[in-house]
Protein backbone atom coordinates (compact mmCIF):
# COMPACT_ATOMS: atom_id res chain seq x y z
CA MET A 1 0.03 0.06 -0.02
CA MET A 2 2.72 2.38 1.03
CA SER A 3 4.61 1.58 -2.19
CA VAL A 4 1.48 2.35 -4.38
CA LEU A 5 1.02 5.60 -2.48
CA ARG A 6 4.56 6.63 -3.00
CA TRP A 7 4.38 6.10 -6.72
CA PHE A 8 1.08 7.99 -6.83
CA VAL A 9 2.65 11.05 -5.15
CA PHE A 10 5.68 10.79 -7.33
CA ALA A 11 3.50 10.60 -10.53
CA VAL A 12 1.53 13.48 -9.27
CA ALA A 13 4.62 15.65 -8.55
CA ALA A 14 6.37 14.76 -11.84
CA ILE A 15 3.31 15.59 -13.90
CA GLY A 16 2.82 18.94 -12.08
CA LEU A 17 6.32 20.08 -12.32
CA ASN A 18 6.52 19.09 -16.07
CA PHE A 19 3.14 20.31 -16.94
CA PRO A 20 4.38 23.35 -18.94
CA VAL A 21 6.73 21.12 -20.83
CA LEU A 22 3.85 18.54 -21.71
CA VAL A 23 1.49 21.44 -22.92
CA THR A 24 4.39 22.84 -25.04
CA LEU A 25 5.09 19.42 -26.36
CA SER A 26 1.53 18.50 -27.24
CA THR A 27 0.68 22.01 -28.78
CA SER A 28 3.72 21.46 -31.11
CA PHE A 29 1.96 18.64 -32.68
CA LYS A 30 -1.36 20.36 -33.15
CA SER A 31 -2.46 22.21 -36.33
CA ALA A 32 -3.87 25.75 -35.89
CA ARG A 33 -7.33 24.41 -36.71
CA GLU A 34 -7.18 21.75 -33.87
CA LEU A 35 -5.79 24.42 -31.49
CA SER A 36 -8.82 26.64 -31.86
CA GLY A 37 -11.11 23.65 -30.65
CA ASN A 38 -8.85 21.57 -28.52
CA PRO A 39 -6.61 23.38 -25.86
CA GLY A 40 -6.09 20.09 -23.90
CA LEU A 41 -3.17 17.78 -23.66
CA TRP A 42 -4.51 15.11 -25.98
CA VAL A 43 -3.63 15.50 -29.60
CA GLN A 44 -6.41 14.19 -31.90
CA ALA A 45 -4.72 14.61 -35.37
CA PRO A 46 -0.79 14.97 -34.69
CA THR A 47 1.10 16.81 -37.44
CA PHE A 48 4.53 17.82 -38.12
CA GLU A 49 3.65 20.81 -39.99
CA ASN A 50 4.83 23.12 -37.21
CA TYR A 51 8.25 21.56 -37.17
CA ARG A 52 8.53 21.70 -40.90
CA ALA A 53 7.89 25.48 -40.70
CA VAL A 54 10.46 25.65 -38.12
CA PHE A 55 13.23 24.02 -40.26
CA GLU A 56 12.34 25.99 -43.36
CA VAL A 57 15.15 28.40 -44.08
CA SER A 58 14.37 31.96 -45.19
CA ASP A 59 16.10 35.20 -45.35
CA ARG A 60 14.68 36.29 -42.04
CA LEU A 61 14.47 33.06 -40.18
CA ASN A 62 17.21 30.24 -40.00
CA ILE A 63 16.94 27.85 -37.02
CA PHE A 64 20.06 26.16 -38.23
CA LEU A 65 22.11 29.45 -37.72
CA TYR A 66 20.60 29.95 -34.32
CA LEU A 67 21.42 26.50 -33.13
CA PHE A 68 25.05 26.86 -34.46
CA ASN A 69 25.31 30.14 -32.63
CA SER A 70 24.17 28.83 -29.58
CA LEU A 71 26.61 25.71 -29.69
CA ALA A 72 29.40 27.94 -30.52
CA VAL A 73 28.94 30.55 -27.75
CA ALA A 74 27.95 27.87 -25.19
CA LEU A 75 31.07 25.76 -25.76
CA MET A 76 33.30 28.86 -25.64
CA GLY A 77 31.72 30.25 -22.61
CA THR A 78 31.83 26.77 -20.89
CA VAL A 79 35.42 25.86 -21.80
CA LEU A 80 37.03 29.34 -21.18
CA ALA A 81 35.22 29.53 -17.78
CA VAL A 82 36.51 26.11 -16.53
CA ALA A 83 39.96 26.89 -18.06
CA LEU A 84 40.19 30.02 -15.97
CA ALA A 85 38.57 28.63 -12.95
CA LEU A 86 40.73 25.64 -12.41
CA PRO A 87 44.08 27.34 -11.78
CA ALA A 88 42.38 30.09 -9.86
CA ALA A 89 40.56 27.22 -7.57
CA TYR A 90 43.98 25.63 -7.02
CA ALA A 91 45.48 28.87 -5.86
CA ILE A 92 42.52 29.52 -3.67
CA ALA A 93 42.27 25.93 -2.21
CA ARG A 94 45.91 25.21 -1.78
CA GLY A 95 47.62 28.65 -1.51
CA LYS A 96 44.66 30.37 0.22
CA ILE A 97 45.13 33.30 -2.21
CA GLY A 98 42.02 35.43 -2.48
CA GLU A 99 40.12 32.91 -0.24
CA ARG A 100 38.60 35.74 1.82
CA THR A 101 38.44 38.47 -0.75
CA LEU A 102 38.51 37.07 -4.37
CA LEU A 103 36.40 34.15 -3.96
CA PRO A 104 33.37 35.87 -2.10
CA PHE A 105 33.60 38.90 -4.65
CA ILE A 106 33.36 36.62 -7.59
CA VAL A 107 30.66 34.42 -6.21
CA ASN A 108 28.63 37.38 -5.23
CA LEU A 109 28.78 38.91 -8.70
CA ARG A 110 26.55 36.00 -9.85
CA ALA A 111 23.86 37.29 -7.31
CA VAL A 112 23.71 40.73 -8.78
CA PRO A 113 20.97 41.14 -11.34
CA LEU A 114 22.76 40.79 -14.88
CA ILE A 115 20.55 43.71 -16.21
CA ILE A 116 22.88 46.03 -14.17
CA PHE A 117 25.64 45.44 -16.54
CA ALA A 118 23.57 45.95 -19.77
CA ILE A 119 24.48 49.68 -20.59
CA PRO A 120 28.14 49.50 -19.80
CA LEU A 121 28.57 46.15 -21.75
CA TYR A 122 26.81 47.40 -24.81
CA MET A 123 28.81 50.58 -24.93
CA MET A 124 32.08 48.72 -24.37
CA PHE A 125 31.19 45.95 -27.01
CA GLN A 126 30.18 48.90 -29.40
CA TRP A 127 33.57 50.34 -28.95
CA LEU A 128 35.43 47.20 -29.27
CA ALA A 129 33.36 46.21 -32.43
CA LEU A 130 32.14 42.95 -30.68
CA LEU A 131 28.40 43.55 -30.98
CA ASP A 132 26.65 40.77 -32.90
CA THR A 133 29.80 38.50 -32.88
CA ARG A 134 30.01 34.84 -31.38
CA LEU A 135 33.31 35.97 -29.82
CA GLY A 136 31.72 38.78 -27.76
CA LEU A 137 28.73 36.79 -26.60
CA GLY A 138 31.00 33.85 -25.72
CA LEU A 139 33.25 35.94 -23.61
CA ILE A 140 30.13 37.38 -21.74
CA LEU A 141 29.12 33.81 -21.09
CA THR A 142 32.59 33.04 -19.75
CA ILE A 143 31.90 35.55 -17.14
CA VAL A 144 28.50 34.27 -16.40
CA ASN A 145 29.69 30.69 -15.83
CA LEU A 146 32.75 31.68 -13.81
CA PRO A 147 31.41 31.98 -10.39
CA LEU A 148 29.70 28.59 -10.45
CA ALA A 149 32.83 26.78 -11.91
CA LEU A 150 35.15 28.40 -9.45
CA VAL A 151 32.87 27.29 -6.47
CA ILE A 152 32.73 23.61 -7.71
CA LEU A 153 36.38 23.40 -8.49
CA VAL A 154 37.45 25.02 -5.18
CA ASN A 155 35.40 22.52 -3.13
CA ALA A 156 36.52 19.58 -5.22
CA ILE A 157 40.28 20.65 -4.73
CA ARG A 158 39.79 21.06 -1.07
CA ASP A 159 38.60 17.53 -0.68
CA LEU A 160 41.88 16.18 -2.10
CA PRO A 161 44.66 15.25 0.32
CA ALA A 162 47.46 17.84 0.45
CA GLU A 163 49.94 15.14 0.94
CA LEU A 164 49.50 14.51 -2.84
CA ASP A 165 50.88 17.89 -3.59
CA GLU A 166 53.68 17.47 -1.10
CA ALA A 167 54.56 14.00 -2.60
CA ALA A 168 54.71 15.40 -6.18
CA LEU A 169 56.98 18.45 -4.92
CA MET A 170 59.28 15.91 -3.49
CA ASP A 171 59.49 14.14 -6.81
CA GLY A 172 60.51 17.24 -8.51
CA ALA A 173 57.26 18.57 -9.95
CA ASN A 174 56.34 22.24 -10.11
CA ARG A 175 52.77 23.62 -9.30
CA THR A 176 51.75 23.73 -12.99
CA GLN A 177 52.69 19.94 -13.33
CA ILE A 178 50.88 19.13 -10.19
CA LEU A 179 47.78 20.96 -11.41
CA ILE A 180 47.87 19.17 -14.79
CA LYS A 181 49.03 15.73 -13.92
CA VAL A 182 47.61 15.21 -10.33
CA VAL A 183 44.78 17.62 -9.47
CA MET A 184 42.97 17.53 -13.00
CA PRO A 185 42.67 13.75 -13.15
CA LEU A 186 41.37 13.44 -9.58
CA CYS A 187 38.93 16.37 -10.07
CA ARG A 188 37.57 15.19 -13.40
CA PRO A 189 34.05 14.59 -12.05
CA ALA A 190 33.99 18.23 -10.81
CA ILE A 191 35.38 19.36 -14.07
CA VAL A 192 32.70 17.52 -16.11
CA THR A 193 29.98 18.87 -13.84
CA SER A 194 31.27 22.40 -14.28
CA LEU A 195 31.23 22.01 -17.97
CA ILE A 196 27.74 20.49 -18.08
CA PHE A 197 26.16 23.22 -15.72
CA GLY A 198 28.04 25.78 -17.72
CA PHE A 199 26.98 24.60 -21.17
CA ILE A 200 23.27 24.44 -19.86
CA THR A 201 23.41 28.01 -18.42
CA ALA A 202 25.09 29.30 -21.49
CA TRP A 203 22.64 27.79 -23.89
CA ASN A 204 19.60 29.15 -21.98
CA GLU A 205 21.04 32.77 -21.69
CA PHE A 206 18.69 35.12 -23.16
CA LEU A 207 19.28 38.60 -21.90
CA PHE A 208 22.91 39.15 -23.38
CA GLY A 209 21.70 37.28 -26.53
CA LEU A 210 19.00 39.80 -27.03
CA MET A 211 20.97 42.88 -25.92
CA LEU A 212 24.33 42.18 -27.79
CA THR A 213 23.19 40.39 -31.13
CA THR A 214 21.09 41.36 -33.90
CA SER A 215 21.62 39.02 -36.91
CA LYS A 216 24.71 37.10 -37.50
CA ALA A 217 25.19 35.74 -33.91
CA VAL A 218 21.67 35.37 -32.61
CA PRO A 219 21.35 32.36 -30.31
CA VAL A 220 18.32 29.93 -30.50
CA THR A 221 16.81 31.52 -27.16
CA VAL A 222 16.49 34.81 -29.01
CA GLY A 223 15.77 33.42 -32.47
CA ALA A 224 13.00 31.32 -31.28
CA SER A 225 10.97 34.46 -30.59
CA PHE A 226 11.19 35.41 -34.19
CA PHE A 227 8.99 32.37 -35.22
CA PHE A 228 5.90 33.30 -33.16
CA ALA A 229 4.43 35.67 -35.68
CA ALA A 230 6.58 34.61 -38.73
CA SER A 231 3.75 34.88 -41.20
CA GLY A 232 1.83 37.58 -39.40
CA GLY A 233 -1.68 37.62 -38.03
CA GLY A 234 -0.88 37.08 -34.25
CA VAL A 235 1.01 34.39 -32.41
CA GLN A 236 1.48 30.96 -34.09
CA TRP A 237 1.14 28.87 -31.03
CA GLY A 238 1.99 25.54 -32.75
CA VAL A 239 5.05 26.96 -34.39
CA ALA A 240 6.06 28.79 -31.31
CA SER A 241 5.83 25.53 -29.33
CA ALA A 242 7.81 23.47 -32.00
CA VAL A 243 10.68 25.84 -31.93
CA MET A 244 10.74 25.96 -27.96
CA VAL A 245 10.93 22.24 -28.14
CA VAL A 246 13.87 22.17 -30.83
CA GLY A 247 15.59 24.86 -28.67
CA ALA A 248 15.27 23.07 -25.42
CA LEU A 249 16.24 19.56 -26.62
CA PRO A 250 20.10 19.86 -26.58
CA PRO A 251 20.49 20.95 -22.82
CA MET A 252 17.64 18.57 -21.82
CA LEU A 253 19.30 15.54 -23.45
CA LEU A 254 22.59 16.56 -22.09
CA GLY A 255 21.11 16.55 -18.46
CA LEU A 256 19.45 13.27 -19.01
CA VAL A 257 22.56 11.61 -20.31
CA MET A 258 24.80 13.05 -17.86
CA TYR A 259 22.52 12.82 -14.81
CA ARG A 260 24.67 10.09 -12.99
CA GLN A 261 27.89 12.11 -13.63
CA ILE A 262 26.28 15.18 -12.16
CA SER A 263 24.64 13.61 -9.04
CA GLY A 264 27.80 11.47 -8.41
CA SER A 265 30.02 14.63 -8.37
CA MET A 266 27.69 16.59 -6.25
CA THR A 267 27.73 13.83 -3.55
CA ALA A 268 31.33 12.89 -3.88
CA GLY A 269 32.67 14.60 -0.73
CA ALA A 270 29.55 14.06 1.34
CA VAL A 271 30.78 10.93 3.14
CA LYS A 272 34.34 10.41 4.11
CA GLY A 273 35.52 7.27 5.73
């Protein structure tokens, strides 16, 4: 009885939490005619017409360009953030450099509303000719991802025994070699977790994509909004839902595939024996 009740509560919670996703998914398979008379979850006559409209390339709409832009800037913003955070985390965890000043300052930057940086960033990017470029958006996403990557890696390195560093120093290794050959392999789960969280965060970024891009470097989060009224006459809910599903698939699949890696890394230091 308790098992049945537990599964019932789980099912209700799962459906409730994912209800907006289910509505969007079902809407993407409905024609405009069916949507006017069937607002429910059940799809009476499934159609791929909305997805066909999304993948049709025109002068104004190009879902493939938006997806490529998101992939490029997300990879750039993720890899650069981890590459900068790893040596900084090692210096903080082992050398106590900036532990009481730099680390809290960087972490607290993430708590500040990003809209505060809108005007100065726009003016700076305009002066540097970085507006509507993948490089410019990728650099901004690096800054966005840096605080979380730094926190994860600092905690991971703190969990490593300091005796490993001492043994490597006695064998003649320098700090750079210790970081690359000792710390990096042992912190691989934390590095992978930082990359996954960073990629998902960068992929879902909307504010800076809207503010700093216009045509060439538009990410899918911003480009998706262009499909809502592609043919005029109000919002095309079926097309809008289809493009949202397409845009959400990469981070969703990444999270599902790497779920065990993420959960294992987040609980790795919880029990010590």
